[in-house]
């Protein structure tokens, strides 16, 4: 898997609405802090990270020695 960085560009406009998302508490806290630092809505951060993950996804077969 390549090691490209995910780059987020800060935004000045604030989002006025909210969408439900289900993530663990520790991830929610990190995303919320990142949103506060960048001005990027949490939804946009999540969508960007998910798209990046899909674009850089590599699926490996199970090693038969590990079964």
N, C-alpha and C. Protein backbone atom coordinates (compact mmCIF):
# COMPACT_ATOMS: atom_id res chain seq x y z
N UNK A 1 0.86 -1.17 0.00
CA UNK A 1 0.00 0.00 0.00
C UNK A 1 0.90 1.23 0.00
N UNK A 2 0.55 2.23 -0.79
CA UNK A 2 1.36 3.44 -0.82
C UNK A 2 1.10 4.29 0.42
N UNK A 3 2.03 5.19 0.73
CA UNK A 3 1.92 6.00 1.95
C UNK A 3 1.68 7.46 1.62
N UNK A 4 0.64 7.76 0.88
CA UNK A 4 0.29 9.14 0.58
C UNK A 4 -0.43 9.74 1.78
N UNK A 5 -0.17 11.03 2.01
CA UNK A 5 -0.87 11.73 3.09
C UNK A 5 -2.22 12.20 2.61
N UNK A 6 -3.17 12.22 3.52
CA UNK A 6 -4.49 12.79 3.26
C UNK A 6 -4.40 14.27 3.61
N UNK A 7 -4.68 15.14 2.65
CA UNK A 7 -4.57 16.59 2.87
C UNK A 7 -5.96 17.19 2.94
N UNK A 8 -6.23 17.94 4.00
CA UNK A 8 -7.49 18.67 4.17
C UNK A 8 -7.19 20.16 4.09
N UNK A 9 -7.99 20.89 3.33
CA UNK A 9 -7.84 22.33 3.23
C UNK A 9 -8.84 22.99 4.16
N UNK A 10 -8.34 23.91 5.01
CA UNK A 10 -9.21 24.57 5.98
C UNK A 10 -10.33 25.32 5.27
N UNK A 11 -11.48 25.38 5.92
CA UNK A 11 -12.64 26.10 5.40
C UNK A 11 -13.08 27.14 6.41
N UNK A 12 -13.52 28.27 5.91
CA UNK A 12 -13.96 29.35 6.79
C UNK A 12 -15.46 29.30 7.07
N UNK A 13 -16.25 28.73 6.15
CA UNK A 13 -17.70 28.68 6.33
C UNK A 13 -18.07 27.54 7.27
N UNK A 14 -19.05 27.80 8.11
CA UNK A 14 -19.53 26.79 9.06
C UNK A 14 -20.76 26.10 8.50
N UNK A 15 -20.89 24.83 8.80
CA UNK A 15 -22.07 24.07 8.40
C UNK A 15 -23.20 24.37 9.38
N UNK A 16 -24.41 24.47 8.86
CA UNK A 16 -25.55 24.79 9.72
C UNK A 16 -26.36 23.56 10.11
N UNK A 17 -26.18 22.44 9.45
CA UNK A 17 -26.95 21.24 9.75
C UNK A 17 -26.06 20.10 10.21
N UNK A 18 -26.68 19.04 10.69
CA UNK A 18 -25.94 17.88 11.18
C UNK A 18 -26.49 16.62 10.56
N UNK A 19 -25.65 15.62 10.43
CA UNK A 19 -26.04 14.30 9.94
C UNK A 19 -25.62 13.28 11.00
N UNK A 20 -26.40 12.23 11.12
CA UNK A 20 -26.05 11.15 12.05
C UNK A 20 -24.88 10.35 11.50
N UNK A 21 -24.00 9.95 12.38
CA UNK A 21 -22.92 9.04 12.03
C UNK A 21 -22.64 8.16 13.24
N UNK A 22 -22.18 6.99 12.96
CA UNK A 22 -21.89 6.06 14.04
C UNK A 22 -20.41 5.72 14.01
N UNK A 23 -19.70 6.25 14.98
CA UNK A 23 -18.27 5.95 15.14
C UNK A 23 -18.01 5.81 16.64
N UNK A 24 -16.89 5.21 16.98
CA UNK A 24 -16.52 5.09 18.38
C UNK A 24 -16.26 6.46 19.00
N UNK A 25 -16.33 6.53 20.32
CA UNK A 25 -16.17 7.80 21.02
C UNK A 25 -14.81 8.44 20.77
N UNK A 26 -13.75 7.64 20.75
CA UNK A 26 -12.41 8.22 20.56
C UNK A 26 -12.26 8.80 19.15
N UNK A 27 -12.82 8.12 18.13
CA UNK A 27 -12.77 8.66 16.78
C UNK A 27 -13.62 9.91 16.65
N UNK A 28 -14.78 9.90 17.28
CA UNK A 28 -15.66 11.07 17.24
C UNK A 28 -14.95 12.29 17.81
N UNK A 29 -14.25 12.11 18.91
CA UNK A 29 -13.52 13.21 19.55
C UNK A 29 -12.44 13.76 18.61
N UNK A 30 -11.70 12.86 17.96
CA UNK A 30 -10.64 13.29 17.04
C UNK A 30 -11.21 14.04 15.84
N UNK A 31 -12.31 13.52 15.29
CA UNK A 31 -12.93 14.17 14.13
C UNK A 31 -13.48 15.54 14.53
N UNK A 32 -14.08 15.61 15.71
CA UNK A 32 -14.63 16.88 16.19
C UNK A 32 -13.51 17.91 16.38
N UNK A 33 -12.38 17.49 16.93
CA UNK A 33 -11.24 18.40 17.11
C UNK A 33 -10.69 18.86 15.77
N UNK A 34 -10.61 17.96 14.81
CA UNK A 34 -10.13 18.30 13.47
C UNK A 34 -11.08 19.28 12.79
N UNK A 35 -12.37 19.07 12.98
CA UNK A 35 -13.37 19.98 12.40
C UNK A 35 -13.24 21.38 13.01
N UNK A 36 -13.01 21.44 14.31
CA UNK A 36 -12.86 22.74 14.97
C UNK A 36 -11.60 23.45 14.48
N UNK A 37 -10.52 22.70 14.28
CA UNK A 37 -9.25 23.29 13.83
C UNK A 37 -9.31 23.79 12.39
N UNK A 38 -10.01 23.05 11.53
CA UNK A 38 -9.99 23.35 10.10
C UNK A 38 -11.20 24.13 9.61
N UNK A 39 -12.29 24.08 10.37
CA UNK A 39 -13.53 24.69 9.90
C UNK A 39 -14.27 23.82 8.90
N UNK A 40 -13.79 22.61 8.70
CA UNK A 40 -14.42 21.66 7.77
C UNK A 40 -15.49 20.89 8.54
N UNK A 41 -16.70 20.79 8.00
CA UNK A 41 -17.75 20.03 8.68
C UNK A 41 -17.33 18.57 8.91
N UNK A 42 -17.77 18.02 10.03
CA UNK A 42 -17.42 16.63 10.36
C UNK A 42 -17.83 15.68 9.24
N UNK A 43 -18.99 15.90 8.66
CA UNK A 43 -19.47 15.05 7.56
C UNK A 43 -18.49 15.06 6.40
N UNK A 44 -17.98 16.23 6.06
CA UNK A 44 -17.04 16.35 4.95
C UNK A 44 -15.73 15.65 5.27
N UNK A 45 -15.27 15.78 6.51
CA UNK A 45 -14.04 15.09 6.92
C UNK A 45 -14.22 13.59 6.80
N UNK A 46 -15.33 13.07 7.31
CA UNK A 46 -15.59 11.63 7.23
C UNK A 46 -15.66 11.15 5.79
N UNK A 47 -16.40 11.89 4.95
CA UNK A 47 -16.52 11.49 3.54
C UNK A 47 -15.16 11.51 2.85
N UNK A 48 -14.35 12.53 3.15
CA UNK A 48 -13.02 12.62 2.54
C UNK A 48 -12.16 11.45 2.97
N UNK A 49 -12.19 11.12 4.25
CA UNK A 49 -11.39 9.99 4.76
C UNK A 49 -11.86 8.66 4.18
N UNK A 50 -13.16 8.49 4.07
CA UNK A 50 -13.69 7.24 3.50
C UNK A 50 -13.31 7.12 2.03
N UNK A 51 -13.46 8.22 1.26
CA UNK A 51 -13.06 8.18 -0.15
C UNK A 51 -11.57 7.86 -0.28
N UNK A 52 -10.75 8.50 0.54
CA UNK A 52 -9.30 8.24 0.53
C UNK A 52 -9.03 6.76 0.83
N UNK A 53 -9.74 6.25 1.82
CA UNK A 53 -9.56 4.84 2.18
C UNK A 53 -9.90 3.91 1.03
N UNK A 54 -11.02 4.17 0.34
CA UNK A 54 -11.39 3.35 -0.81
C UNK A 54 -10.38 3.48 -1.95
N UNK A 55 -9.91 4.70 -2.20
CA UNK A 55 -8.96 4.93 -3.28
C UNK A 55 -7.61 4.26 -3.02
N UNK A 56 -7.28 4.03 -1.76
CA UNK A 56 -5.98 3.47 -1.39
C UNK A 56 -6.10 2.10 -0.72
N UNK A 57 -7.22 1.44 -0.94
CA UNK A 57 -7.50 0.15 -0.32
C UNK A 57 -6.76 -0.97 -1.03
N UNK A 58 -6.21 -1.85 -0.25
CA UNK A 58 -5.58 -3.06 -0.77
C UNK A 58 -6.11 -4.23 0.04
N UNK A 59 -6.68 -5.20 -0.62
CA UNK A 59 -7.22 -6.38 0.06
C UNK A 59 -6.24 -7.52 -0.13
N UNK A 60 -5.88 -8.16 0.98
CA UNK A 60 -4.93 -9.26 0.93
C UNK A 60 -5.64 -10.56 1.25
N UNK A 61 -5.20 -11.62 0.58
CA UNK A 61 -5.73 -12.94 0.89
C UNK A 61 -5.20 -13.38 2.25
N UNK A 62 -5.94 -14.26 2.91
CA UNK A 62 -5.51 -14.81 4.18
C UNK A 62 -4.35 -15.76 3.92
N UNK A 63 -3.30 -15.61 4.70
CA UNK A 63 -2.15 -16.51 4.58
C UNK A 63 -2.56 -17.86 5.14
N UNK A 64 -2.39 -18.93 4.37
CA UNK A 64 -2.85 -20.26 4.79
C UNK A 64 -2.14 -20.73 6.05
N UNK A 65 -0.96 -20.18 6.36
CA UNK A 65 -0.24 -20.56 7.59
C UNK A 65 -0.90 -19.97 8.83
N UNK A 66 -1.72 -18.91 8.66
CA UNK A 66 -2.34 -18.24 9.81
C UNK A 66 -3.70 -18.81 10.16
N UNK A 67 -4.24 -19.71 9.36
CA UNK A 67 -5.58 -20.25 9.62
C UNK A 67 -5.58 -21.24 10.74
